[in-house]
N, C-alpha and C. Protein backbone atom coordinates (compact mmCIF):
# COMPACT_ATOMS: atom_id res chain seq x y z
N UNK A 1 13.01 -2.21 5.36
CA UNK A 1 11.60 -2.55 5.41
C UNK A 1 10.84 -1.62 4.47
N UNK A 2 9.93 -2.18 3.72
CA UNK A 2 9.12 -1.42 2.77
C UNK A 2 7.79 -1.03 3.41
N UNK A 3 7.19 -0.01 2.86
CA UNK A 3 5.84 0.37 3.28
C UNK A 3 4.87 -0.10 2.22
N UNK A 4 3.74 -0.61 2.65
CA UNK A 4 2.72 -1.09 1.73
C UNK A 4 1.46 -0.26 1.94
N UNK A 5 0.95 0.24 0.84
CA UNK A 5 -0.28 1.03 0.87
C UNK A 5 -1.36 0.29 0.09
N UNK A 6 -2.53 0.21 0.68
CA UNK A 6 -3.67 -0.39 0.00
C UNK A 6 -4.59 0.71 -0.50
N UNK A 7 -5.06 0.53 -1.71
CA UNK A 7 -6.02 1.48 -2.22
C UNK A 7 -7.35 1.26 -1.52
N UNK A 8 -8.19 2.27 -1.54
CA UNK A 8 -9.47 2.21 -0.85
C UNK A 8 -10.30 1.02 -1.31
N UNK A 9 -10.31 0.75 -2.60
CA UNK A 9 -11.07 -0.39 -3.12
C UNK A 9 -10.56 -1.72 -2.58
N UNK A 10 -9.25 -1.84 -2.46
CA UNK A 10 -8.66 -3.06 -1.90
C UNK A 10 -9.05 -3.22 -0.43
N UNK A 11 -9.03 -2.13 0.31
CA UNK A 11 -9.43 -2.18 1.72
C UNK A 11 -10.88 -2.62 1.85
N UNK A 12 -11.73 -2.07 1.01
CA UNK A 12 -13.16 -2.44 1.07
C UNK A 12 -13.34 -3.92 0.78
N UNK A 13 -12.62 -4.42 -0.23
CA UNK A 13 -12.73 -5.83 -0.56
C UNK A 13 -12.21 -6.72 0.55
N UNK A 14 -11.13 -6.31 1.19
CA UNK A 14 -10.59 -7.10 2.30
C UNK A 14 -11.57 -7.15 3.47
N UNK A 15 -12.25 -6.05 3.73
CA UNK A 15 -13.19 -6.02 4.85
C UNK A 15 -14.38 -6.95 4.62
N UNK A 16 -14.66 -7.29 3.37
CA UNK A 16 -15.78 -8.18 3.06
C UNK A 16 -15.43 -9.66 3.29
N UNK A 17 -14.16 -9.95 3.45
CA UNK A 17 -13.73 -11.34 3.63
C UNK A 17 -14.03 -11.86 5.03
N UNK A 18 -14.09 -13.17 5.13
CA UNK A 18 -14.23 -13.78 6.45
C UNK A 18 -12.94 -13.53 7.23
N UNK A 19 -13.05 -13.54 8.53
CA UNK A 19 -11.93 -13.18 9.41
C UNK A 19 -10.69 -14.02 9.13
N UNK A 20 -10.87 -15.30 8.91
CA UNK A 20 -9.72 -16.19 8.68
C UNK A 20 -9.00 -15.83 7.38
N UNK A 21 -9.75 -15.61 6.32
CA UNK A 21 -9.16 -15.23 5.03
C UNK A 21 -8.49 -13.87 5.13
N UNK A 22 -9.16 -12.94 5.78
CA UNK A 22 -8.62 -11.59 5.95
C UNK A 22 -7.27 -11.64 6.66
N UNK A 23 -7.19 -12.38 7.74
CA UNK A 23 -5.96 -12.45 8.52
C UNK A 23 -4.85 -13.12 7.73
N UNK A 24 -5.17 -14.15 6.97
CA UNK A 24 -4.18 -14.85 6.16
C UNK A 24 -3.57 -13.90 5.12
N UNK A 25 -4.42 -13.12 4.46
CA UNK A 25 -3.94 -12.19 3.43
C UNK A 25 -3.13 -11.06 4.05
N UNK A 26 -3.62 -10.51 5.16
CA UNK A 26 -2.89 -9.43 5.82
C UNK A 26 -1.52 -9.90 6.29
N UNK A 27 -1.43 -11.10 6.81
CA UNK A 27 -0.14 -11.63 7.25
C UNK A 27 0.83 -11.76 6.08
N UNK A 28 0.33 -12.21 4.93
CA UNK A 28 1.18 -12.34 3.74
C UNK A 28 1.64 -10.97 3.26
N UNK A 29 0.76 -9.99 3.29
CA UNK A 29 1.13 -8.63 2.87
C UNK A 29 2.18 -8.06 3.80
N UNK A 30 2.02 -8.27 5.09
CA UNK A 30 3.02 -7.79 6.05
C UNK A 30 4.36 -8.48 5.84
N UNK A 31 4.33 -9.77 5.52
CA UNK A 31 5.57 -10.49 5.23
C UNK A 31 6.28 -9.90 4.01
N UNK A 32 5.50 -9.49 3.01
CA UNK A 32 6.09 -8.88 1.81
C UNK A 32 6.75 -7.54 2.13
N UNK A 33 6.27 -6.84 3.14
CA UNK A 33 6.89 -5.58 3.53
C UNK A 33 8.31 -5.82 4.05
N UNK A 34 8.50 -6.93 4.74
CA UNK A 34 9.82 -7.27 5.27
C UNK A 34 10.72 -7.91 4.22
N UNK A 35 10.12 -8.71 3.36
CA UNK A 35 10.89 -9.45 2.36
C UNK A 35 10.06 -9.47 1.06
N UNK A 36 10.25 -8.50 0.18
CA UNK A 36 9.41 -8.40 -1.01
C UNK A 36 9.61 -9.53 -2.02
N UNK A 37 10.65 -10.31 -1.90
CA UNK A 37 10.89 -11.43 -2.81
C UNK A 37 11.18 -12.69 -2.00
N UNK A 38 10.17 -13.22 -1.30
CA UNK A 38 10.41 -14.33 -0.38
C UNK A 38 10.73 -15.66 -1.07
N UNK A 39 10.20 -15.88 -2.25
CA UNK A 39 10.39 -17.16 -2.94
C UNK A 39 10.64 -16.90 -4.41
N UNK A 40 11.42 -17.75 -5.01
CA UNK A 40 11.64 -17.60 -6.44
C UNK A 40 10.40 -17.97 -7.24
N UNK A 41 9.54 -18.81 -6.68
CA UNK A 41 8.36 -19.24 -7.42
C UNK A 41 7.13 -18.38 -7.12
N UNK A 42 7.33 -17.24 -6.50
CA UNK A 42 6.22 -16.34 -6.21
C UNK A 42 5.86 -15.60 -7.49
N UNK A 43 4.61 -15.67 -7.86
CA UNK A 43 4.12 -15.00 -9.06
C UNK A 43 3.59 -13.63 -8.67
N UNK A 44 4.14 -12.60 -9.28
CA UNK A 44 3.67 -11.25 -9.02
C UNK A 44 3.05 -10.72 -10.30
N UNK A 45 1.80 -10.33 -10.23
CA UNK A 45 1.08 -9.81 -11.39
C UNK A 45 0.98 -8.30 -11.25
N UNK A 46 1.28 -7.61 -12.32
CA UNK A 46 1.24 -6.15 -12.32
C UNK A 46 0.06 -5.68 -13.17
N UNK A 47 -0.50 -4.58 -12.79
CA UNK A 47 -1.54 -3.96 -13.60
C UNK A 47 -0.87 -3.21 -14.74
N UNK A 48 -1.63 -2.85 -15.75
CA UNK A 48 -1.03 -2.12 -16.88
C UNK A 48 -0.32 -0.83 -16.46
N UNK A 49 -0.79 -0.16 -15.43
CA UNK A 49 -0.14 1.09 -15.03
C UNK A 49 0.97 0.86 -14.00
N UNK A 50 1.27 -0.40 -13.68
CA UNK A 50 2.35 -0.77 -12.75
C UNK A 50 2.19 -0.23 -11.34
N UNK A 51 0.99 0.15 -10.96
CA UNK A 51 0.76 0.62 -9.58
C UNK A 51 0.17 -0.50 -8.73
N UNK A 52 -0.63 -1.34 -9.32
CA UNK A 52 -1.30 -2.40 -8.57
C UNK A 52 -0.55 -3.70 -8.79
N UNK A 53 -0.30 -4.42 -7.71
CA UNK A 53 0.40 -5.68 -7.79
C UNK A 53 -0.35 -6.73 -6.99
N UNK A 54 -0.35 -7.95 -7.47
CA UNK A 54 -0.97 -9.07 -6.79
C UNK A 54 0.03 -10.18 -6.72
N UNK A 55 0.33 -10.65 -5.54
CA UNK A 55 1.30 -11.74 -5.37
C UNK A 55 0.56 -13.03 -5.07
N UNK A 56 0.89 -14.05 -5.81
CA UNK A 56 0.25 -15.35 -5.63
C UNK A 56 1.33 -16.39 -5.38
N UNK A 57 1.08 -17.27 -4.43
CA UNK A 57 2.05 -18.33 -4.19
C UNK A 57 1.41 -19.67 -4.43
């Protein structure tokens, strides 16, 4: 199992979301902790410094 850390800015942005959207995203992030490569068609975008990642399905 992997550990996932959110940067402060990401946490602030998540808190601004509606409860339903927030829960959907948090569930997906938790799923990635258990299985970081759940689908072959999952698009993972990296920031230039390779610290920030965004997964889109």
